[in-house]
C-alpha atoms as a PDB file:
ATOM      1  CA  MET A   1      85.521  91.510  95.601  1.00  0.00           C
ATOM      2  CA  PRO A   2      88.422  93.991  94.610  1.00  0.00           C
ATOM      3  CA  ILE A   3      91.029  95.431  96.888  1.00  0.00           C
ATOM      4  CA  TYR A   4      91.107  99.301  96.084  1.00  0.00           C
ATOM      5  CA  GLU A   5      93.805 101.675  97.469  1.00  0.00           C
ATOM      6  CA  TYR A   6      92.493 104.799  99.076  1.00  0.00           C
ATOM      7  CA  LYS A   7      93.547 108.249 100.489  1.00  0.00           C
ATOM      8  CA  CYS A   8      91.815 109.873 103.334  1.00  0.00           C
ATOM      9  CA  LYS A   9      90.834 113.588 102.427  1.00  0.00           C
ATOM     10  CA  ALA A  10      90.744 114.195 106.388  1.00  0.00           C
ATOM     11  CA  CYS A  11      94.012 112.905 107.629  1.00  0.00           C
ATOM     12  CA  ASP A  12      96.052 111.943 104.273  1.00  0.00           C
ATOM     13  CA  LYS A  13      96.250 108.397 105.450  1.00  0.00           C
ATOM     14  CA  ARG A  14      96.736 106.011 102.499  1.00  0.00           C
ATOM     15  CA  PHE A  15      95.456 102.361 102.949  1.00  0.00           C
ATOM     16  CA  GLU A  16      94.193  99.386 100.914  1.00  0.00           C
ATOM     17  CA  THR A  17      90.855  97.626 101.819  1.00  0.00           C
ATOM     18  CA  LEU A  18      88.647  94.889 100.442  1.00  0.00           C
ATOM     19  CA  VAL A  19      85.274  96.351  98.969  1.00  0.00           C
ATOM     20  CA  MET A  20      82.427  94.025  99.264  1.00  0.00           C
ATOM     21  CA  GLY A  21      79.501  94.915  97.084  1.00  0.00           C
ATOM     22  CA  GLY A  22      78.479  98.504  97.482  1.00  0.00           C
ATOM     23  CA  SER A  23      79.757  99.016 100.679  1.00  0.00           C
ATOM     24  CA  THR A  24      81.761 102.431 101.304  1.00  0.00           C
ATOM     25  CA  PRO A  25      85.055 101.976 103.099  1.00  0.00           C
ATOM     26  CA  GLU A  26      86.192 104.178 105.841  1.00  0.00           C
ATOM     27  CA  CYS A  27      89.526 105.222 106.822  1.00  0.00           C
ATOM     28  CA  PRO A  28      91.238 102.991 109.384  1.00  0.00           C
ATOM     29  CA  SER A  29      92.775 106.081 111.414  1.00  0.00           C
ATOM     30  CA  CYS A  30      89.906 108.640 111.578  1.00  0.00           C
ATOM     31  CA  ASN A  31      86.875 106.479 110.330  1.00  0.00           C
ATOM     32  CA  SER A  32      86.181 109.420 107.681  1.00  0.00           C
ATOM     33  CA  ARG A  33      84.591 108.541 104.630  1.00  0.00           C
ATOM     34  CA  ASP A  34      85.634 111.505 102.740  1.00  0.00           C
ATOM     35  CA  LEU A  35      88.297 109.208 100.656  1.00  0.00           C
ATOM     36  CA  SER A  36      89.683 109.426  97.325  1.00  0.00           C
ATOM     37  CA  ARG A  37      90.184 106.116  95.450  1.00  0.00           C
ATOM     38  CA  LEU A  38      93.818 105.993  94.131  1.00  0.00           C
ATOM     39  CA  MET A  39      95.154 104.168  90.880  1.00  0.00           C
ATOM     40  CA  SER A  40      97.215 101.298  92.126  1.00  0.00           C
ATOM     41  CA  ALA A  41      99.963  99.641  90.088  1.00  0.00           C
ATOM     42  CA  CYS A  42      98.969  96.459  89.037  1.00  0.00           C
ATOM     43  CA  GLY A  43     101.065  93.377  89.909  1.00  0.00           C
ATOM     44  CA  PHE A  44     100.798  90.487  87.132  1.00  0.00           C
ATOM     45  CA  ILE A  45     103.193  88.351  85.317  1.00  0.00           C
ATOM     46  CA  SER A  46     102.770  87.587  81.707  1.00  0.00           C
ATOM     47  CA  LYS A  47     104.568  84.565  80.719  1.00  0.00           C
ATOM     48  CA  SER A  48     105.242  83.922  76.555  1.00  0.00           C
ATOM     49  CA  SER A  49     107.428  81.850  74.553  1.00  0.00           C
ATOM     50  CA  GLY A  50     109.980  84.039  72.704  1.00  0.00           C
ATOM     51  CA  PRO A  51     112.155  83.443  69.763  1.00  0.00           C
ATOM     52  CA  GLY A  52     114.200  80.124  70.319  1.00  0.00           C
ATOM     53  CA  ASN A  53     111.550  78.945  72.793  1.00  0.00           C
ATOM     54  CA  GLU A  54     113.093  80.715  75.654  1.00  0.00           C
ATOM     55  CA  THR A  55     110.538  82.121  78.280  1.00  0.00           C
ATOM     56  CA  GLN A  56     110.228  85.865  78.442  1.00  0.00           C
ATOM     57  CA  VAL A  57     108.697  87.098  81.731  1.00  0.00           C
ATOM     58  CA  LYS A  58     107.342  90.727  81.647  1.00  0.00           C
ATOM     59  CA  SER A  59     105.683  92.457  84.774  1.00  0.00           C
ATOM     60  CA  SER A  60     104.871  96.014  85.805  1.00  0.00           C
ATOM     61  CA  SER A  61     107.812  96.094  87.895  1.00  0.00           C
ATOM     62  CA  SER A  62     110.312  94.905  85.705  1.00  0.00           C
ATOM     63  CA  SER A  63     112.105  96.548  82.761  1.00  0.00           C
ATOM     64  CA  ALA A  64     111.019  95.103  79.404  1.00  0.00           C
ATOM     65  CA  CYS A  65     114.402  96.155  77.695  1.00  0.00           C
ATOM     66  CA  GLY A  66     117.717  94.623  78.624  1.00  0.00           C
ATOM     67  CA  SER A  67     119.674  97.808  78.329  1.00  0.00           C
ATOM     68  CA  CYS A  68     118.553  99.422  81.343  1.00  0.00           C
ATOM     69  CA  SER A  69     117.579  98.740  84.894  1.00  0.00           C
ATOM     70  CA  SER A  70     114.812 101.299  85.006  1.00  0.00           C
ATOM     71  CA  SER A  71     111.100  99.906  85.817  1.00  0.00           C
ATOM     72  CA  ASN A  72     109.837 102.953  84.092  1.00  0.00           C
ATOM     73  CA  CYS A  73     110.912 102.941  80.534  1.00  0.00           C
ATOM     74  CA  SER A  74     109.897 106.146  79.456  1.00  0.00           C
ATOM     75  CA  SER A  75     113.432 107.287  78.781  1.00  0.00           C
ATOM     76  CA  CYS A  76     114.095 104.283  76.197  1.00  0.00           C
ATOM     77  CA  GLY A  77     110.526 104.183  74.831  1.00  0.00           C
ATOM     78  CA  VAL A  78     109.799 100.364  75.320  1.00  0.00           C
END
């Protein structure tokens, strides 16, 4: 049972909800079922052994390069 993020087209409320089976969620503010499902940022941690056996931890919210503090590495290409 996945958790999806939605935006209500009627009142512009953004919310997350657990979707069970083929059920259609409704907006918790206005009870509308006219919703858009949004792309959510995934939250995961990938651990791998790097050179020299140190552990490298990467996730969608951390920078993969050590030269910047940005979480979006489009500027450095990593």
